[in-house]
Amino acid sequence: MNISKASTRSSSSKHRLLIAGVVASVAVFLGVRAMADNAYNIETSDTVGSTVTYDGNGAGGSAIITAILSQPGTVFGQGAYSATSRTYFYDAFTAADGPGGADGSLEIFTEPQTNSVNATPGLSGSDLAGGINYVSPNPGYVPQVGDAISVTGPWSPFDAIPELGGSGSPPKVTNMGALSQGNAVPATPSFTIPQILANPNFSSQSYLPLAQNVAGYFSMISNVTISGESSSVFTNGNMSLTLTDSGGHTMTMFYYYTSYSSDGAMAGALVPTQHVNVYGFADSFSSTSKVGSTIVTNWSDEFVPVSFSATVPEPSSCLLAGVGLLSLLAVMRRRRS
């Protein structure tokens, strides 16, 4: 079914989570980098809204871009939607750190860096925390998978996505650039639907219901079917569909046309009707209800698709299919499509 942005998420900007409590004082970026850190420490220790620098914290592994979710520009759809376009204004990507990306992963969501005279990442007067001290944003930087990055901006979780940055102008991210490029990319983790739905509330703060080894990761759910669509193709609007695995477990797949250009490029493409592997990332959409005099936050887990691939049949399935084909050939000639 089609989901309008207005009914679920802000149409002009991503709706930020509001966290009650006192926000601790933080160093304001004025040509000096915030202390470098890794995803796990940011997720479990930093106060929402505080300025953080994410680069994997040097020792133990860099923060490597694992997937590009959205890029600025105008995107046209396919087929019946080939004349339909949407303009996206943000860079959005996932980056993981630690050996093999095991320590944690964040989503970076920001306007492009365009307002600086310092076009090349490099040391600028001092080397803080063993990393690069940018004096200002890096203009013209285009994130690429395999880049080892350093990003400074507000810690701003959104829909349980551990996110750094946020929407709005001027860019919330004050520093962003590649420390190196062409690095080995951590393997894409594969999760089952029950693993995503486990919701252990790993953080000492209550706004991250997803498991730490799930939240923020570009990941895969394998061998699922997609149902619940009112259209045979992806449309030029958000859609809420259902993923079902071989064990009958289900969860929502949220086709996020309005926020991510990777989904915008799917408009007009056929919704898969066979078993597929879905690549993307998990989020958890929050709503509130009142129980007596208490306001309760309810979380609904979703998986946002970025791409799909065909499943590979198990060897036993291939064997059975081969036996069936031989039997068929014994009695009739197979027609070519």
Protein backbone atom coordinates (compact mmCIF):
# COMPACT_ATOMS: atom_id res chain seq x y z
CA MET A 1 0.00 0.00 0.00
CA ASN A 2 1.09 3.57 -0.60
CA ILE A 3 2.04 5.53 2.50
CA SER A 4 2.03 9.30 2.33
CA LYS A 5 4.98 11.02 3.96
CA ALA A 6 2.68 13.43 5.71
CA SER A 7 0.90 10.63 7.57
CA THR A 8 4.04 8.96 8.86
CA ARG A 9 7.08 11.20 8.57
CA SER A 10 7.59 14.91 7.95
CA SER A 11 7.32 15.86 4.28
CA SER A 12 9.93 18.62 4.43
CA SER A 13 12.55 17.11 6.73
CA LYS A 14 13.23 13.98 8.70
CA HIS A 15 11.34 14.13 12.01
CA ARG A 16 13.88 14.01 14.83
CA LEU A 17 13.40 11.93 17.93
CA LEU A 18 12.71 14.09 20.97
CA ILE A 19 14.55 12.82 24.02
CA ALA A 20 13.58 14.19 27.40
CA GLY A 21 16.33 15.21 29.78
CA VAL A 22 19.14 17.66 30.11
CA VAL A 23 21.58 17.80 27.21
CA ALA A 24 25.14 17.91 28.44
CA SER A 25 27.44 20.71 27.37
CA VAL A 26 29.75 19.81 24.51
CA ALA A 27 32.63 21.43 22.77
CA VAL A 28 31.40 23.50 19.84
CA PHE A 29 33.25 22.98 16.59
CA LEU A 30 35.15 26.16 15.82
CA GLY A 31 37.99 24.86 13.70
CA VAL A 32 38.77 22.14 16.27
CA ARG A 33 37.62 18.56 15.92
CA ALA A 34 35.55 16.82 18.58
CA MET A 35 37.27 13.79 20.10
CA ALA A 36 37.39 10.93 17.60
CA ASP A 37 35.35 7.88 18.49
CA ASN A 38 33.90 4.62 17.23
CA ALA A 39 30.26 3.69 16.61
CA TYR A 40 29.80 1.64 19.77
CA ASN A 41 30.93 4.42 22.09
CA ILE A 42 28.82 6.98 20.28
CA GLU A 43 25.74 4.74 20.40
CA THR A 44 26.04 3.82 24.06
CA SER A 45 27.61 6.87 25.69
CA ASP A 46 27.01 10.13 23.84
CA THR A 47 24.09 12.45 24.51
CA VAL A 48 21.65 13.06 21.67
CA GLY A 49 22.45 16.39 20.06
CA SER A 50 26.07 16.43 21.19
CA THR A 51 28.82 16.97 18.63
CA VAL A 52 30.79 13.83 17.86
CA THR A 53 33.48 12.80 15.41
CA TYR A 54 33.19 9.37 13.87
CA ASP A 55 36.29 7.83 12.31
CA GLY A 56 36.56 4.43 13.99
CA ASN A 57 38.86 5.87 16.64
CA GLY A 58 42.04 5.00 14.77
CA ALA A 59 43.34 1.87 16.51
CA GLY A 60 41.07 -1.11 15.93
CA GLY A 61 39.93 -0.11 12.48
CA SER A 62 38.79 2.85 10.43
CA ALA A 63 35.19 3.79 9.67
CA ILE A 64 34.65 2.38 6.18
CA ILE A 65 31.70 3.31 3.96
CA THR A 66 29.73 0.13 3.27
CA ALA A 67 26.81 1.39 1.16
CA ILE A 68 25.52 4.54 -0.51
CA LEU A 69 21.84 5.03 0.35
CA SER A 70 21.19 8.39 -1.25
CA GLN A 71 23.00 11.02 -3.31
CA PRO A 72 22.03 14.57 -4.24
CA GLY A 73 20.46 14.97 -7.66
CA THR A 74 17.35 14.32 -9.71
CA VAL A 75 16.37 10.68 -10.13
CA PHE A 76 13.96 9.35 -12.77
CA GLY A 77 11.99 6.14 -12.44
CA GLN A 78 11.62 3.25 -14.85
CA GLY A 79 8.91 2.04 -17.23
CA ALA A 80 5.62 3.82 -16.52
CA TYR A 81 7.53 6.14 -14.18
CA SER A 82 10.35 6.98 -16.58
CA ALA A 83 9.07 10.55 -16.94
CA THR A 84 8.59 10.91 -13.18
CA SER A 85 11.43 12.37 -11.16
CA ARG A 86 12.31 13.39 -7.64
CA THR A 87 15.17 15.61 -6.54
CA TYR A 88 17.17 14.52 -3.50
CA PHE A 89 19.27 16.96 -1.52
CA TYR A 90 21.22 14.76 0.89
CA ASP A 91 24.14 12.39 1.05
CA ALA A 92 23.21 9.30 3.05
CA PHE A 93 25.47 6.31 3.58
CA THR A 94 26.41 3.67 6.13
CA ALA A 95 29.89 3.23 7.58
CA ALA A 96 31.17 0.46 9.86
CA ASP A 97 34.28 0.30 12.03
CA GLY A 98 36.37 -2.22 13.92
CA PRO A 99 37.86 -5.45 12.55
CA GLY A 100 35.54 -6.50 9.73
CA GLY A 101 33.13 -3.76 10.77
CA ALA A 102 32.26 -5.67 13.93
CA ASP A 103 32.41 -2.78 16.40
CA GLY A 104 29.42 -0.88 15.06
CA SER A 105 27.90 1.01 12.15
CA LEU A 106 26.27 4.42 11.72
CA GLU A 107 24.26 6.15 9.04
CA ILE A 108 25.56 9.53 7.94
CA PHE A 109 22.80 11.83 6.67
CA THR A 110 23.76 15.34 5.55
CA GLU A 111 23.65 17.96 2.87
CA PRO A 112 26.71 17.94 0.58
CA GLN A 113 29.76 19.80 1.80
CA THR A 114 30.08 22.89 -0.43
CA ASN A 115 31.03 25.90 1.67
CA SER A 116 34.74 25.67 2.39
CA VAL A 117 38.02 26.79 0.92
CA ASN A 118 39.80 23.72 2.30
CA ALA A 119 39.24 21.26 -0.52
CA THR A 120 41.74 18.60 0.49
CA PRO A 121 41.58 16.60 3.73
CA GLY A 122 44.85 16.99 5.61
CA LEU A 123 46.50 18.19 8.77
CA SER A 124 45.71 21.79 9.58
CA GLY A 125 47.83 23.09 12.41
CA SER A 126 47.49 20.12 14.75
CA ASP A 127 46.76 16.43 14.81
CA LEU A 128 44.04 15.82 17.41
CA ALA A 129 43.32 12.29 18.68
CA GLY A 130 45.69 10.87 16.11
CA GLY A 131 43.46 11.94 13.21
CA ILE A 132 42.94 14.74 10.77
CA ASN A 133 41.99 18.16 12.09
CA TYR A 134 39.73 19.78 9.50
CA VAL A 135 39.28 23.54 9.73
CA SER A 136 36.00 23.43 7.81
CA PRO A 137 33.80 21.11 5.69
CA ASN A 138 35.35 19.46 2.68
CA PRO A 139 33.74 20.90 -0.47
CA GLY A 140 33.01 18.65 -3.38
CA TYR A 141 33.62 15.42 -1.49
CA VAL A 142 31.52 12.61 -2.96
CA PRO A 143 31.30 9.60 -0.60
CA GLN A 144 32.25 6.25 -2.14
CA VAL A 145 32.08 2.70 -0.87
CA GLY A 146 35.50 1.80 0.53
CA ASP A 147 36.35 5.29 1.78
CA ALA A 148 37.78 5.53 5.30
CA ILE A 149 36.01 8.60 6.61
CA SER A 150 36.09 11.18 9.34
CA VAL A 151 32.77 12.92 10.01
CA THR A 152 31.93 15.53 12.64
CA GLY A 153 28.36 16.50 13.43
CA PRO A 154 25.47 16.01 15.86
CA TRP A 155 24.60 12.57 17.20
CA SER A 156 20.97 12.42 16.07
CA PRO A 157 19.24 9.00 16.04
CA PHE A 158 16.19 8.83 13.80
CA ASP A 159 13.63 6.01 13.81
CA ALA A 160 16.13 3.90 15.79
CA ILE A 161 18.74 4.40 13.06
CA PRO A 162 22.01 5.39 14.78
CA GLU A 163 22.49 8.51 12.72
CA LEU A 164 25.05 11.28 12.62
CA GLY A 165 23.97 14.52 10.99
CA GLY A 166 20.38 15.22 10.05
CA SER A 167 18.41 17.27 7.56
CA GLY A 168 18.34 21.02 7.22
CA SER A 169 20.52 23.84 5.99
CA PRO A 170 23.26 24.80 6.66
CA PRO A 171 24.61 21.23 6.81
CA LYS A 172 24.48 19.71 10.28
CA VAL A 173 27.70 17.83 9.51
CA THR A 174 30.52 20.34 9.91
CA ASN A 175 33.35 18.07 8.71
CA MET A 176 33.32 15.19 6.27
CA GLY A 177 36.07 13.74 4.16
CA ALA A 178 37.99 10.64 3.19
CA LEU A 179 41.14 9.77 5.10
CA SER A 180 41.88 7.11 2.48
CA GLN A 181 40.03 5.43 -0.36
CA GLY A 182 39.78 1.99 -1.96
CA ASN A 183 39.82 0.13 1.36
CA ALA A 184 38.50 -3.39 1.82
CA VAL A 185 34.78 -3.21 2.57
CA PRO A 186 33.44 -5.21 5.53
CA ALA A 187 31.27 -8.15 4.52
CA THR A 188 27.54 -7.46 4.44
CA PRO A 189 25.98 -9.15 7.48
CA SER A 190 22.95 -11.38 6.94
CA PHE A 191 20.13 -11.28 9.49
CA THR A 192 16.98 -13.29 9.91
CA ILE A 193 13.67 -11.60 10.56
CA PRO A 194 13.59 -12.90 14.19
CA GLN A 195 17.07 -11.46 14.79
CA ILE A 196 15.94 -8.01 13.68
CA LEU A 197 12.71 -8.22 15.67
CA ALA A 198 14.49 -9.30 18.88
CA ASN A 199 14.63 -5.68 20.15
CA PRO A 200 16.99 -6.16 23.13
CA ASN A 201 17.16 -2.38 23.80
CA PHE A 202 20.94 -2.65 23.96
CA SER A 203 21.58 0.98 24.79
CA SER A 204 21.58 2.56 28.22
CA GLN A 205 19.50 5.21 26.49
CA SER A 206 15.96 4.18 25.54
CA TYR A 207 15.81 5.43 21.94
CA LEU A 208 17.58 2.50 20.28
CA PRO A 209 15.42 -0.63 20.40
CA LEU A 210 17.38 -2.48 17.69
CA ALA A 211 20.32 -4.71 18.57
CA GLN A 212 23.68 -2.95 18.36
CA ASN A 213 24.96 -5.48 15.81
CA VAL A 214 21.88 -4.75 13.64
CA ALA A 215 21.28 -1.02 14.03
CA GLY A 216 22.97 1.13 11.39
CA TYR A 217 24.35 -1.79 9.38
CA PHE A 218 23.86 -2.17 5.66
CA SER A 219 22.68 -5.76 5.77
CA MET A 220 20.74 -8.52 4.04
CA ILE A 221 17.66 -10.62 4.76
CA SER A 222 17.81 -13.75 2.61
CA ASN A 223 15.18 -15.87 0.90
CA VAL A 224 12.03 -13.86 1.56
CA THR A 225 8.84 -13.09 -0.35
CA ILE A 226 7.23 -9.67 -0.65
CA SER A 227 3.48 -9.22 -0.32
CA GLY A 228 0.86 -6.64 0.53
CA GLU A 229 1.45 -4.43 -2.49
CA SER A 230 -1.47 -2.66 -4.13
CA SER A 231 0.69 -2.10 -7.21
CA SER A 232 2.76 -4.57 -9.21
CA VAL A 233 5.54 -1.97 -9.41
CA PHE A 234 7.24 0.35 -6.97
CA THR A 235 5.57 3.76 -7.18
CA ASN A 236 6.60 7.39 -6.73
CA GLY A 237 5.50 7.35 -3.11
CA ASN A 238 6.38 5.49 0.07
CA MET A 239 5.03 1.93 0.30
CA SER A 240 4.59 -0.39 3.26
CA LEU A 241 4.96 -4.06 2.25
CA THR A 242 5.45 -7.36 4.08
CA LEU A 243 8.51 -9.63 4.08
CA THR A 244 7.93 -13.31 4.85
CA ASP A 245 10.70 -15.86 5.34
CA SER A 246 10.64 -19.63 4.89
CA GLY A 247 9.70 -20.09 8.56
CA GLY A 248 6.63 -17.88 8.23
CA HIS A 249 8.14 -14.96 10.16
CA THR A 250 7.06 -11.56 8.90
CA MET A 251 8.11 -7.93 9.17
CA THR A 252 7.40 -4.66 7.38
CA MET A 253 9.47 -3.59 4.40
CA PHE A 254 9.28 0.20 4.05
CA TYR A 255 10.04 1.43 0.54
CA TYR A 256 11.30 4.93 1.41
CA TYR A 257 10.91 6.79 -1.87
CA THR A 258 10.80 10.25 -0.33
CA SER A 259 14.12 10.11 1.56
CA TYR A 260 16.54 7.83 -0.30
CA SER A 261 17.52 8.08 -3.95
CA SER A 262 18.30 4.35 -4.06
CA ASP A 263 14.56 3.75 -3.58
CA GLY A 264 13.69 6.60 -5.94
CA ALA A 265 15.53 4.77 -8.72
CA MET A 266 13.25 1.74 -8.15
CA ALA A 267 10.07 3.61 -9.11
CA GLY A 268 8.44 1.69 -11.96
CA ALA A 269 10.44 -1.49 -11.32
CA LEU A 270 8.45 -4.67 -10.71
CA VAL A 271 7.94 -5.66 -7.10
CA PRO A 272 9.64 -9.10 -6.91
CA THR A 273 7.19 -11.98 -6.93
CA GLN A 274 9.73 -14.76 -6.31
CA HIS A 275 11.95 -15.43 -3.31
CA VAL A 276 14.68 -12.79 -3.12
CA ASN A 277 17.47 -11.50 -0.93
CA VAL A 278 16.77 -7.96 0.27
CA TYR A 279 19.67 -5.58 0.93
CA GLY A 280 19.13 -2.48 3.02
CA PHE A 281 18.92 -1.46 6.67
CA ALA A 282 16.60 -1.80 9.64
CA ASP A 283 14.76 0.99 11.35
CA SER A 284 12.00 1.15 13.95
CA PHE A 285 9.15 3.60 13.54
CA SER A 286 7.89 5.01 16.81
CA SER A 287 4.38 5.94 17.87
CA THR A 288 2.86 6.70 21.24
CA SER A 289 -0.20 5.47 23.09
CA LYS A 290 -1.69 6.24 26.45
CA VAL A 291 -2.02 3.53 29.08
CA GLY A 292 -3.91 5.05 31.97
CA SER A 293 -2.06 8.27 32.66
CA THR A 294 1.22 6.99 31.18
CA ILE A 295 2.40 7.78 27.65
CA VAL A 296 4.00 4.66 26.16
CA THR A 297 6.34 4.62 23.16
CA ASN A 298 5.66 1.76 20.76
CA TRP A 299 8.24 0.62 18.21
CA SER A 300 7.42 -1.03 14.86
CA ASP A 301 10.46 -2.54 13.19
CA GLU A 302 10.92 -2.09 9.45
CA PHE A 303 13.48 -2.94 6.79
CA VAL A 304 14.26 -0.28 4.17
CA PRO A 305 15.31 -1.88 0.86
CA VAL A 306 18.20 -0.61 -1.22
CA SER A 307 18.44 -3.48 -3.72
CA PHE A 308 17.40 -7.09 -4.36
CA SER A 309 19.11 -10.20 -5.65
CA ALA A 310 17.88 -13.60 -6.73
CA THR A 311 18.19 -16.41 -4.20
CA VAL A 312 20.48 -19.35 -4.89
CA PRO A 313 18.63 -22.68 -4.58
CA GLU A 314 19.98 -25.16 -2.06
CA PRO A 315 21.81 -28.16 -3.61
CA SER A 316 18.95 -30.49 -2.68
CA SER A 317 16.49 -28.21 -4.44
CA CYS A 318 18.68 -28.18 -7.56
CA LEU A 319 18.82 -31.98 -7.50
CA LEU A 320 15.06 -32.29 -7.25
CA ALA A 321 14.58 -29.76 -10.01
CA GLY A 322 17.01 -31.67 -12.21
CA VAL A 323 15.20 -34.97 -11.65
CA GLY A 324 11.90 -33.31 -12.47
CA LEU A 325 13.29 -31.81 -15.66
CA LEU A 326 14.67 -35.12 -16.85
CA SER A 327 11.30 -36.74 -16.27
CA LEU A 328 9.60 -34.02 -18.24
CA LEU A 329 12.02 -34.31 -21.15
CA ALA A 330 11.33 -38.02 -21.31
CA VAL A 331 7.72 -37.42 -22.36
CA MET A 332 7.72 -34.14 -24.21
CA ARG A 333 9.93 -31.56 -25.82
CA ARG A 334 10.37 -28.48 -23.70
CA ARG A 335 9.15 -25.28 -25.28
CA ARG A 336 11.48 -22.32 -25.37
CA SER A 337 10.18 -19.07 -23.98
